Amino acid sequence: MNNKDLSPIHPEDLDDDLLPEYDEDTLRTLLKSGIRGKYIDRYRQGTNLIKLDPDIAAAFPTEQAVNEALRKLLDNISLVA
């Protein structure tokens, strides 16, 4: 990263790509009426989504199949430990 990447952005440097059918005043009103932090609780809960590699995903046709296999693995590990 160089210093140019950290330079402030000035509105006059931006291309105006707002479509003519959008009224700036209406958009401004809509944006200001948003609720700050509306989804923060969901964000803090996190997620449990895991992306499987294609070869692994092919071995498990359903979410239930993945869960069953992992439970069996955990059972085997706890028997050994």
C-alpha atoms as a PDB file:
ATOM      1  CA  MET A   1       0.000   0.000   0.000  1.00  0.00           C
ATOM      2  CA  ASN A   2       1.340   3.399  -0.849  1.00  0.00           C
ATOM      3  CA  ASN A   3       0.500   6.887   0.415  1.00  0.00           C
ATOM      4  CA  LYS A   4      -1.806   7.483  -2.548  1.00  0.00           C
ATOM      5  CA  ASP A   5      -4.054   4.662  -1.266  1.00  0.00           C
ATOM      6  CA  LEU A   6      -4.454   6.519   2.034  1.00  0.00           C
ATOM      7  CA  SER A   7      -5.226   9.930   0.587  1.00  0.00           C
ATOM      8  CA  PRO A   8      -8.686  11.341   1.376  1.00  0.00           C
ATOM      9  CA  ILE A   9     -11.433  11.029  -1.221  1.00  0.00           C
ATOM     10  CA  HIS A  10     -12.900  14.301  -2.394  1.00  0.00           C
ATOM     11  CA  PRO A  11     -16.427  14.387  -3.857  1.00  0.00           C
ATOM     12  CA  GLU A  12     -15.198  16.226  -6.935  1.00  0.00           C
ATOM     13  CA  ASP A  13     -12.861  13.293  -7.689  1.00  0.00           C
ATOM     14  CA  LEU A  14     -15.724  10.805  -7.880  1.00  0.00           C
ATOM     15  CA  ASP A  15     -17.667   9.991 -11.028  1.00  0.00           C
ATOM     16  CA  ASP A  16     -21.351  10.743 -10.598  1.00  0.00           C
ATOM     17  CA  ASP A  17     -23.034   7.529 -11.660  1.00  0.00           C
ATOM     18  CA  LEU A  18     -26.374   8.252 -10.006  1.00  0.00           C
ATOM     19  CA  LEU A  19     -29.078   7.451 -12.512  1.00  0.00           C
ATOM     20  CA  PRO A  20     -31.276  10.399 -13.504  1.00  0.00           C
ATOM     21  CA  GLU A  21     -34.461   8.715 -12.247  1.00  0.00           C
ATOM     22  CA  TYR A  22     -33.153   8.816  -8.659  1.00  0.00           C
ATOM     23  CA  ASP A  23     -33.953  12.002  -6.806  1.00  0.00           C
ATOM     24  CA  GLU A  24     -31.030  13.020  -4.600  1.00  0.00           C
ATOM     25  CA  ASP A  25     -33.250  14.527  -1.908  1.00  0.00           C
ATOM     26  CA  THR A  26     -35.333  11.359  -1.614  1.00  0.00           C
ATOM     27  CA  LEU A  27     -32.224   9.195  -1.417  1.00  0.00           C
ATOM     28  CA  ARG A  28     -30.687  11.456   1.199  1.00  0.00           C
ATOM     29  CA  THR A  29     -33.862  11.215   3.307  1.00  0.00           C
ATOM     30  CA  LEU A  30     -33.943   7.421   2.995  1.00  0.00           C
ATOM     31  CA  LEU A  31     -30.299   7.093   3.951  1.00  0.00           C
ATOM     32  CA  LYS A  32     -30.676   9.366   6.971  1.00  0.00           C
ATOM     33  CA  SER A  33     -33.687   7.426   8.272  1.00  0.00           C
ATOM     34  CA  GLY A  34     -31.680   4.225   8.632  1.00  0.00           C
ATOM     35  CA  ILE A  35     -31.212   2.701  12.069  1.00  0.00           C
ATOM     36  CA  ARG A  36     -27.583   2.559  13.132  1.00  0.00           C
ATOM     37  CA  GLY A  37     -26.622  -0.828  14.544  1.00  0.00           C
ATOM     38  CA  LYS A  38     -29.882  -2.483  13.514  1.00  0.00           C
ATOM     39  CA  TYR A  39     -28.206  -5.829  12.861  1.00  0.00           C
ATOM     40  CA  ILE A  40     -25.406  -5.683  15.442  1.00  0.00           C
ATOM     41  CA  ASP A  41     -26.892  -8.448  17.618  1.00  0.00           C
ATOM     42  CA  ARG A  42     -27.040 -10.823  14.642  1.00  0.00           C
ATOM     43  CA  TYR A  43     -23.495  -9.857  13.696  1.00  0.00           C
ATOM     44  CA  ARG A  44     -22.214 -10.549  17.207  1.00  0.00           C
ATOM     45  CA  GLN A  45     -23.822 -13.976  17.212  1.00  0.00           C
ATOM     46  CA  GLY A  46     -21.544 -14.846  14.336  1.00  0.00           C
ATOM     47  CA  THR A  47     -22.091 -17.611  11.887  1.00  0.00           C
ATOM     48  CA  ASN A  48     -21.427 -21.298  11.730  1.00  0.00           C
ATOM     49  CA  LEU A  49     -21.237 -21.603   7.961  1.00  0.00           C
ATOM     50  CA  ILE A  50     -18.275 -23.556   6.712  1.00  0.00           C
ATOM     51  CA  LYS A  51     -17.262 -23.876   3.081  1.00  0.00           C
ATOM     52  CA  LEU A  52     -16.304 -27.418   2.172  1.00  0.00           C
ATOM     53  CA  ASP A  53     -13.845 -28.215  -0.570  1.00  0.00           C
ATOM     54  CA  PRO A  54     -15.641 -29.615  -3.636  1.00  0.00           C
ATOM     55  CA  ASP A  55     -14.284 -33.140  -3.180  1.00  0.00           C
ATOM     56  CA  ILE A  56     -15.456 -33.256   0.433  1.00  0.00           C
ATOM     57  CA  ALA A  57     -18.853 -31.739  -0.395  1.00  0.00           C
ATOM     58  CA  ALA A  58     -19.356 -34.402  -3.085  1.00  0.00           C
ATOM     59  CA  ALA A  59     -19.049 -37.113  -0.428  1.00  0.00           C
ATOM     60  CA  PHE A  60     -21.902 -35.654   1.634  1.00  0.00           C
ATOM     61  CA  PRO A  61     -25.200 -35.197  -0.181  1.00  0.00           C
ATOM     62  CA  THR A  62     -26.923 -33.373   2.681  1.00  0.00           C
ATOM     63  CA  GLU A  63     -26.243 -31.217   5.716  1.00  0.00           C
ATOM     64  CA  GLN A  64     -27.472 -34.085   7.876  1.00  0.00           C
ATOM     65  CA  ALA A  65     -24.885 -36.438   6.354  1.00  0.00           C
ATOM     66  CA  VAL A  66     -22.084 -34.031   7.272  1.00  0.00           C
ATOM     67  CA  ASN A  67     -23.359 -33.715  10.839  1.00  0.00           C
ATOM     68  CA  GLU A  68     -23.652 -37.496  11.263  1.00  0.00           C
ATOM     69  CA  ALA A  69     -20.124 -38.057   9.978  1.00  0.00           C
ATOM     70  CA  LEU A  70     -18.693 -35.406  12.278  1.00  0.00           C
ATOM     71  CA  ARG A  71     -20.545 -36.845  15.283  1.00  0.00           C
ATOM     72  CA  LYS A  72     -19.143 -40.315  14.529  1.00  0.00           C
ATOM     73  CA  LEU A  73     -15.660 -38.821  14.240  1.00  0.00           C
ATOM     74  CA  LEU A  74     -16.048 -37.041  17.575  1.00  0.00           C
ATOM     75  CA  ASP A  75     -17.292 -40.249  19.205  1.00  0.00           C
ATOM     76  CA  ASN A  76     -14.249 -42.140  17.887  1.00  0.00           C
ATOM     77  CA  ILE A  77     -11.876 -39.443  19.069  1.00  0.00           C
ATOM     78  CA  SER A  78     -13.384 -39.409  22.564  1.00  0.00           C
ATOM     79  CA  LEU A  79     -13.118 -43.220  22.749  1.00  0.00           C
ATOM     80  CA  VAL A  80      -9.408 -43.050  21.943  1.00  0.00           C
ATOM     81  CA  ALA A  81      -8.581 -40.122  24.220  1.00  0.00           C
END
